[in-house]
Amino acid sequence: MQNKKLWLLSLILIFTLSACQNDDSAKGKEEPGESNTATEQNENQTNDNQEDSQKQNQQENQDDEKQEEESNEQENNEKNIPDRFENEVPDENGIITVLEPKATDIVVNKKRKLPDGYVPPNLVYPDIPFSFDEKIDKRKMRKVAAGPIEELFKGAEEAGIDLVAVSGYRSYATQKAIFNRNVQQNGEEHAKMYSAMPGHSEHQTGLTMDVSTVAVTFQLVEDFRETEEGAWLAKHAHEYGFIIRYPKGKEDITGYAYEPWHIRYVGKEMATEIYEQQLTLEEYFNLYPN
């Protein structure tokens, strides 16, 4: 009887231990759904981190590129500024008298004037068609610009473009008479926007020519740009060393109204840079108005 009780107790103990082991085994197993969800969460978190890292790298690269562009632009501007500009000192009215008026890269505007009594050297009559027959001063240009403008007119003719020269060199006295007449007819504010004060005119440098065409009856008007001749000039002038000196939309920088007819000789290399970058002469030399 005693042995029978021991045998039953042993059997009960065996069943109890077996049941505990099964429970522990069940608890140790993970549900498939729970395992997959945790894995997906980890993968999503990793992907999110990678995307954030990529975005941060892209932003950093863009910032670096922008800083590099700004640095290069500043370096280019500094390279463009001739040393003589640093020695130019404005007078009590803020007007600078240019130190080297014979330079082909001279900048003359409302804040920069030619020396008193200046007459450009080597004025010649370029062999190009004019809107008048008289052999007078406004036919003239400096020799350094006369050859290139002859080539420009030749190129235009070969392209079937009929350009006509209207006005080149003007003396100080002539510009003074033109400006004063403009003031009397239209008022000083209008005159300063459409006509240079004496001593401040690019025409006095001998590097400038106004051109037109029969389509606008040889007038100097904005409609010239809408003609075949005006379109050709805007597209090809730089190939011969000329720029459209007073472009549209840059009036606040040049100080003058848009003049699609007014071309200025600066040389092929500079003219090409100005054309490709869509700059004014002031912007090219970083000479912004105050």
Protein backbone atom coordinates (compact mmCIF):
# COMPACT_ATOMS: atom_id res chain seq x y z
CA MET A 1 0.00 0.00 0.00
CA GLN A 2 2.82 2.30 0.86
CA ASN A 3 4.51 1.56 -2.49
CA LYS A 4 1.30 2.31 -4.36
CA LYS A 5 1.11 5.80 -2.83
CA LEU A 6 4.69 6.51 -3.74
CA TRP A 7 4.05 5.36 -7.28
CA LEU A 8 1.04 7.73 -7.62
CA LEU A 9 2.98 10.67 -6.21
CA SER A 10 5.81 10.04 -8.67
CA LEU A 11 3.37 9.89 -11.57
CA ILE A 12 1.72 13.17 -10.53
CA LEU A 13 5.12 14.83 -10.21
CA ILE A 14 6.13 13.67 -13.69
CA PHE A 15 2.92 15.10 -15.25
CA THR A 16 3.38 18.40 -13.41
CA LEU A 17 6.97 18.84 -14.58
CA SER A 18 6.01 17.97 -18.16
CA ALA A 19 3.21 20.56 -18.18
CA CYS A 20 5.54 23.29 -16.88
CA GLN A 21 8.07 22.54 -19.61
CA ASN A 22 5.37 22.81 -22.30
CA ASP A 23 4.23 26.19 -20.95
CA ASP A 24 7.77 27.51 -20.92
CA SER A 25 8.30 26.28 -24.48
CA ALA A 26 5.10 28.00 -25.65
CA LYS A 27 6.07 31.20 -23.95
CA GLY A 28 9.49 31.10 -25.58
CA LYS A 29 7.99 30.94 -29.08
CA GLU A 30 7.15 34.25 -30.89
CA GLU A 31 4.06 34.67 -32.92
CA PRO A 32 4.96 34.91 -36.64
CA GLY A 33 3.01 38.15 -37.02
CA GLU A 34 4.78 39.80 -34.14
CA SER A 35 8.19 38.85 -35.50
CA ASN A 36 7.43 40.16 -39.03
CA THR A 37 6.02 43.41 -37.67
CA ALA A 38 9.14 44.08 -35.63
CA THR A 39 11.35 43.33 -38.65
CA GLU A 40 9.33 45.64 -40.88
CA GLN A 41 9.51 48.40 -38.30
CA ASN A 42 13.28 48.04 -38.14
CA GLU A 43 13.55 48.08 -41.93
CA ASN A 44 11.29 51.15 -42.20
CA GLN A 45 13.31 52.95 -39.57
CA THR A 46 16.51 52.12 -41.44
CA ASN A 47 15.03 53.36 -44.76
CA ASP A 48 13.82 56.56 -43.12
CA ASN A 49 17.27 57.16 -41.69
CA GLN A 50 18.85 56.55 -45.08
CA GLU A 51 16.42 58.97 -46.80
CA ASP A 52 17.05 61.63 -44.16
CA SER A 53 20.78 61.16 -44.62
CA GLN A 54 20.48 61.42 -48.42
CA LYS A 55 18.38 64.58 -48.15
CA GLN A 56 20.88 66.11 -45.76
CA ASN A 57 23.77 65.25 -48.09
CA GLN A 58 21.91 66.71 -51.07
CA GLN A 59 21.21 69.93 -49.17
CA GLU A 60 24.83 70.15 -48.08
CA ASN A 61 25.99 69.62 -51.69
CA GLN A 62 23.61 72.32 -52.94
CA ASP A 63 24.83 74.71 -50.26
CA ASP A 64 28.45 73.96 -51.20
CA GLU A 65 27.73 74.50 -54.90
CA LYS A 66 25.97 77.80 -54.17
CA GLN A 67 28.88 79.02 -52.05
CA GLU A 68 31.32 77.97 -54.77
CA GLU A 69 29.31 79.84 -57.44
CA GLU A 70 29.16 82.97 -55.30
CA SER A 71 32.89 82.72 -54.61
CA ASN A 72 33.68 82.26 -58.32
CA GLU A 73 31.42 85.18 -59.24
CA GLN A 74 33.16 87.39 -56.70
CA GLU A 75 36.58 86.28 -57.98
CA ASN A 76 35.54 86.98 -61.58
CA ASN A 77 34.30 90.43 -60.65
CA GLU A 78 37.56 91.17 -58.89
CA LYS A 79 39.53 89.97 -61.90
CA ASN A 80 37.49 92.21 -64.20
CA ILE A 81 38.24 95.39 -62.25
CA PRO A 82 41.27 97.20 -63.71
CA ASP A 83 43.80 98.49 -61.18
CA ARG A 84 43.22 102.07 -62.31
CA PHE A 85 39.66 101.95 -60.96
CA GLU A 86 41.05 101.64 -57.45
CA ASN A 87 42.90 104.95 -57.87
CA GLU A 88 39.86 106.88 -59.09
CA VAL A 89 38.58 109.34 -56.50
CA PRO A 90 35.13 110.98 -56.74
CA ASP A 91 34.77 114.73 -56.29
CA GLU A 92 32.51 116.43 -53.74
CA ASN A 93 29.49 115.58 -55.93
CA GLY A 94 30.41 111.91 -56.19
CA ILE A 95 31.55 112.24 -59.83
CA ILE A 96 34.67 110.37 -60.96
CA THR A 97 36.89 111.66 -63.75
CA VAL A 98 38.21 108.57 -65.53
CA LEU A 99 42.00 108.20 -65.44
CA GLU A 100 42.56 106.47 -68.79
CA PRO A 101 40.01 107.80 -71.29
CA LYS A 102 41.84 106.12 -74.19
CA ALA A 103 41.23 102.61 -72.83
CA THR A 104 38.79 100.58 -74.93
CA ASP A 105 37.22 99.23 -71.72
CA ILE A 106 36.48 102.71 -70.42
CA VAL A 107 33.24 103.15 -68.48
CA VAL A 108 31.50 106.48 -68.92
CA ASN A 109 28.12 107.10 -67.31
CA LYS A 110 26.28 109.52 -65.03
CA LYS A 111 28.82 108.98 -62.24
CA ARG A 112 31.91 108.76 -64.46
CA LYS A 113 33.01 111.55 -66.79
CA LEU A 114 35.74 112.17 -69.31
CA PRO A 115 38.51 114.67 -68.54
CA ASP A 116 37.74 118.26 -69.46
CA GLY A 117 38.61 119.01 -73.09
CA TYR A 118 39.13 115.34 -73.98
CA VAL A 119 39.30 114.49 -77.69
CA PRO A 120 39.88 110.82 -78.57
CA PRO A 121 42.93 109.94 -80.66
CA ASN A 122 42.98 108.57 -84.21
CA LEU A 123 39.47 109.53 -85.29
CA VAL A 124 38.72 108.21 -88.79
CA TYR A 125 35.78 107.83 -91.13
CA PRO A 126 34.71 104.15 -91.24
CA ASP A 127 33.68 102.91 -94.67
CA ILE A 128 30.03 102.11 -93.87
CA PRO A 129 26.70 103.51 -95.13
CA PHE A 130 25.21 106.47 -93.23
CA SER A 131 21.76 107.97 -93.16
CA PHE A 132 23.21 111.29 -94.42
CA ASP A 133 25.75 112.38 -97.03
CA GLU A 134 27.73 115.10 -95.23
CA LYS A 135 31.26 114.25 -94.13
CA ILE A 136 30.96 115.58 -90.60
CA ASP A 137 32.20 114.64 -87.12
CA LYS A 138 29.40 112.21 -86.31
CA ARG A 139 30.66 109.93 -89.08
CA LYS A 140 33.88 109.40 -87.14
CA MET A 141 35.05 106.65 -84.82
CA ARG A 142 38.38 105.81 -83.28
CA LYS A 143 40.49 103.70 -85.62
CA VAL A 144 40.48 100.81 -83.13
CA ALA A 145 36.68 100.60 -83.49
CA ALA A 146 36.35 101.66 -87.14
CA GLY A 147 37.79 98.41 -88.54
CA PRO A 148 35.52 96.20 -86.42
CA ILE A 149 32.40 98.16 -87.34
CA GLU A 150 33.27 97.81 -91.01
CA GLU A 151 33.46 94.05 -90.45
CA LEU A 152 30.12 94.14 -88.60
CA PHE A 153 28.40 95.94 -91.49
CA LYS A 154 30.00 93.50 -93.95
CA GLY A 155 28.70 90.55 -91.92
CA ALA A 156 25.24 92.11 -91.82
CA GLU A 157 25.23 92.66 -95.58
CA GLU A 158 26.24 89.05 -96.22
CA ALA A 159 23.31 87.98 -94.03
CA GLY A 160 20.90 90.16 -96.05
CA ILE A 161 20.66 92.75 -93.26
CA ASP A 162 20.50 96.42 -94.23
CA LEU A 163 22.08 98.43 -91.40
CA VAL A 164 22.71 102.17 -91.62
CA ALA A 165 24.93 104.24 -89.32
CA VAL A 166 23.37 107.37 -87.80
CA SER A 167 25.70 108.92 -85.24
CA GLY A 168 29.22 108.24 -84.03
CA TYR A 169 31.64 110.67 -82.40
CA ARG A 170 30.33 113.79 -80.67
CA SER A 171 32.47 116.52 -79.18
CA TYR A 172 31.82 117.96 -75.73
CA ALA A 173 30.32 121.07 -77.34
CA THR A 174 27.98 119.05 -79.56
CA GLN A 175 26.77 116.93 -76.64
CA LYS A 176 26.19 120.06 -74.58
CA ALA A 177 24.00 121.54 -77.32
CA ILE A 178 22.03 118.27 -77.66
CA PHE A 179 21.48 117.97 -73.91
CA ASN A 180 20.41 121.60 -73.47
CA ARG A 181 17.96 121.32 -76.38
CA ASN A 182 16.51 118.16 -74.85
CA VAL A 183 16.06 119.96 -71.51
CA GLN A 184 14.26 122.86 -73.17
CA GLN A 185 11.95 120.57 -75.13
CA ASN A 186 11.22 117.81 -72.60
CA GLY A 187 12.45 118.92 -69.18
CA GLU A 188 15.60 118.06 -67.24
CA GLU A 189 14.35 114.74 -65.81
CA HIS A 190 13.48 113.42 -69.26
CA ALA A 191 16.73 114.74 -70.71
CA LYS A 192 18.85 112.94 -68.09
CA MET A 193 17.11 109.65 -68.83
CA TYR A 194 17.48 109.83 -72.61
CA SER A 195 20.51 112.03 -73.14
CA ALA A 196 23.93 112.20 -71.48
CA MET A 197 25.22 115.34 -69.89
CA PRO A 198 28.25 116.87 -71.64
CA GLY A 199 31.41 115.06 -70.58
CA HIS A 200 29.40 111.96 -69.68
CA SER A 201 28.55 110.80 -73.20
CA GLU A 202 29.92 107.57 -74.66
CA HIS A 203 29.83 109.22 -78.07
CA GLN A 204 32.69 111.47 -76.95
CA THR A 205 34.90 108.36 -76.49
CA GLY A 206 34.82 107.65 -80.23
CA LEU A 207 33.95 104.00 -79.50
CA THR A 208 30.20 104.22 -80.05
CA MET A 209 27.86 104.22 -83.03
CA ASP A 210 24.09 104.57 -83.25
CA VAL A 211 22.63 102.44 -86.04
CA SER A 212 19.21 102.08 -87.62
CA THR A 213 17.44 100.86 -90.75
CA VAL A 214 15.04 102.03 -93.41
CA ALA A 215 12.26 99.97 -91.80
CA VAL A 216 12.03 102.61 -89.05
CA THR A 217 12.99 105.46 -91.42
CA PHE A 218 16.48 105.65 -89.89
CA GLN A 219 15.11 106.79 -86.54
CA LEU A 220 16.62 105.85 -83.19
CA VAL A 221 13.60 104.18 -81.62
CA GLU A 222 12.87 101.06 -79.56
CA ASP A 223 10.92 99.62 -82.50
CA PHE A 224 14.30 99.09 -84.17
CA ARG A 225 14.69 95.96 -82.01
CA GLU A 226 11.60 94.44 -83.66
CA THR A 227 13.10 94.74 -87.15
CA GLU A 228 15.25 92.06 -88.77
CA GLU A 229 18.18 94.45 -88.51
CA GLY A 230 17.66 95.05 -84.79
CA ALA A 231 17.30 91.33 -84.06
CA TRP A 232 20.44 90.51 -86.05
CA LEU A 233 22.44 93.23 -84.29
CA ALA A 234 21.39 92.05 -80.83
CA LYS A 235 22.43 88.48 -81.67
CA HIS A 236 25.69 89.12 -83.54
CA ALA A 237 27.21 92.42 -82.38
CA HIS A 238 29.47 90.68 -79.84
CA GLU A 239 31.06 88.61 -82.60
CA TYR A 240 32.65 91.83 -83.84
CA GLY A 241 33.54 93.26 -80.42
CA PHE A 242 30.42 95.37 -79.79
CA ILE A 243 27.77 95.30 -77.08
CA ILE A 244 24.27 96.76 -76.80
CA ARG A 245 25.33 99.36 -74.26
CA TYR A 246 21.92 100.11 -72.74
CA PRO A 247 19.92 96.85 -72.65
CA LYS A 248 16.29 96.48 -71.70
CA GLY A 249 15.53 95.89 -68.03
CA LYS A 250 18.86 97.31 -66.84
CA GLU A 251 17.85 100.98 -66.70
CA ASP A 252 18.45 101.20 -62.95
CA ILE A 253 22.02 100.05 -63.48
CA THR A 254 23.03 101.97 -66.62
CA GLY A 255 21.03 105.05 -65.69
CA TYR A 256 19.59 105.32 -69.20
CA ALA A 257 16.55 104.11 -71.08
CA TYR A 258 16.71 101.06 -73.34
CA GLU A 259 18.58 101.81 -76.58
CA PRO A 260 18.75 98.82 -78.94
CA TRP A 261 20.46 100.99 -81.56
CA HIS A 262 23.43 102.09 -79.42
CA ILE A 263 26.45 99.81 -79.85
CA ARG A 264 29.77 100.23 -78.06
CA TYR A 265 33.13 98.71 -78.96
CA VAL A 266 34.91 96.85 -76.13
CA GLY A 267 36.73 94.06 -78.02
CA LYS A 268 35.58 90.55 -78.93
CA GLU A 269 36.55 88.76 -75.73
CA MET A 270 34.83 91.18 -73.37
CA ALA A 271 31.85 91.62 -75.66
CA THR A 272 31.33 87.84 -75.78
CA GLU A 273 31.47 87.53 -71.99
CA ILE A 274 29.01 90.39 -71.57
CA TYR A 275 26.66 88.92 -74.19
CA GLU A 276 26.75 85.36 -72.82
CA GLN A 277 26.24 86.49 -69.22
CA GLN A 278 23.67 89.15 -70.20
CA LEU A 279 25.51 91.90 -68.33
CA THR A 280 25.88 95.62 -68.63
CA LEU A 281 29.31 97.23 -68.71
CA GLU A 282 28.68 98.39 -65.13
CA GLU A 283 27.89 94.86 -63.97
CA TYR A 284 30.92 93.45 -65.75
CA PHE A 285 33.20 95.77 -63.78
CA ASN A 286 31.09 95.62 -60.62
CA LEU A 287 30.46 99.37 -60.85
CA TYR A 288 26.93 99.49 -59.51
CA PRO A 289 25.28 102.88 -58.96
CA ASN A 290 25.16 104.16 -55.38
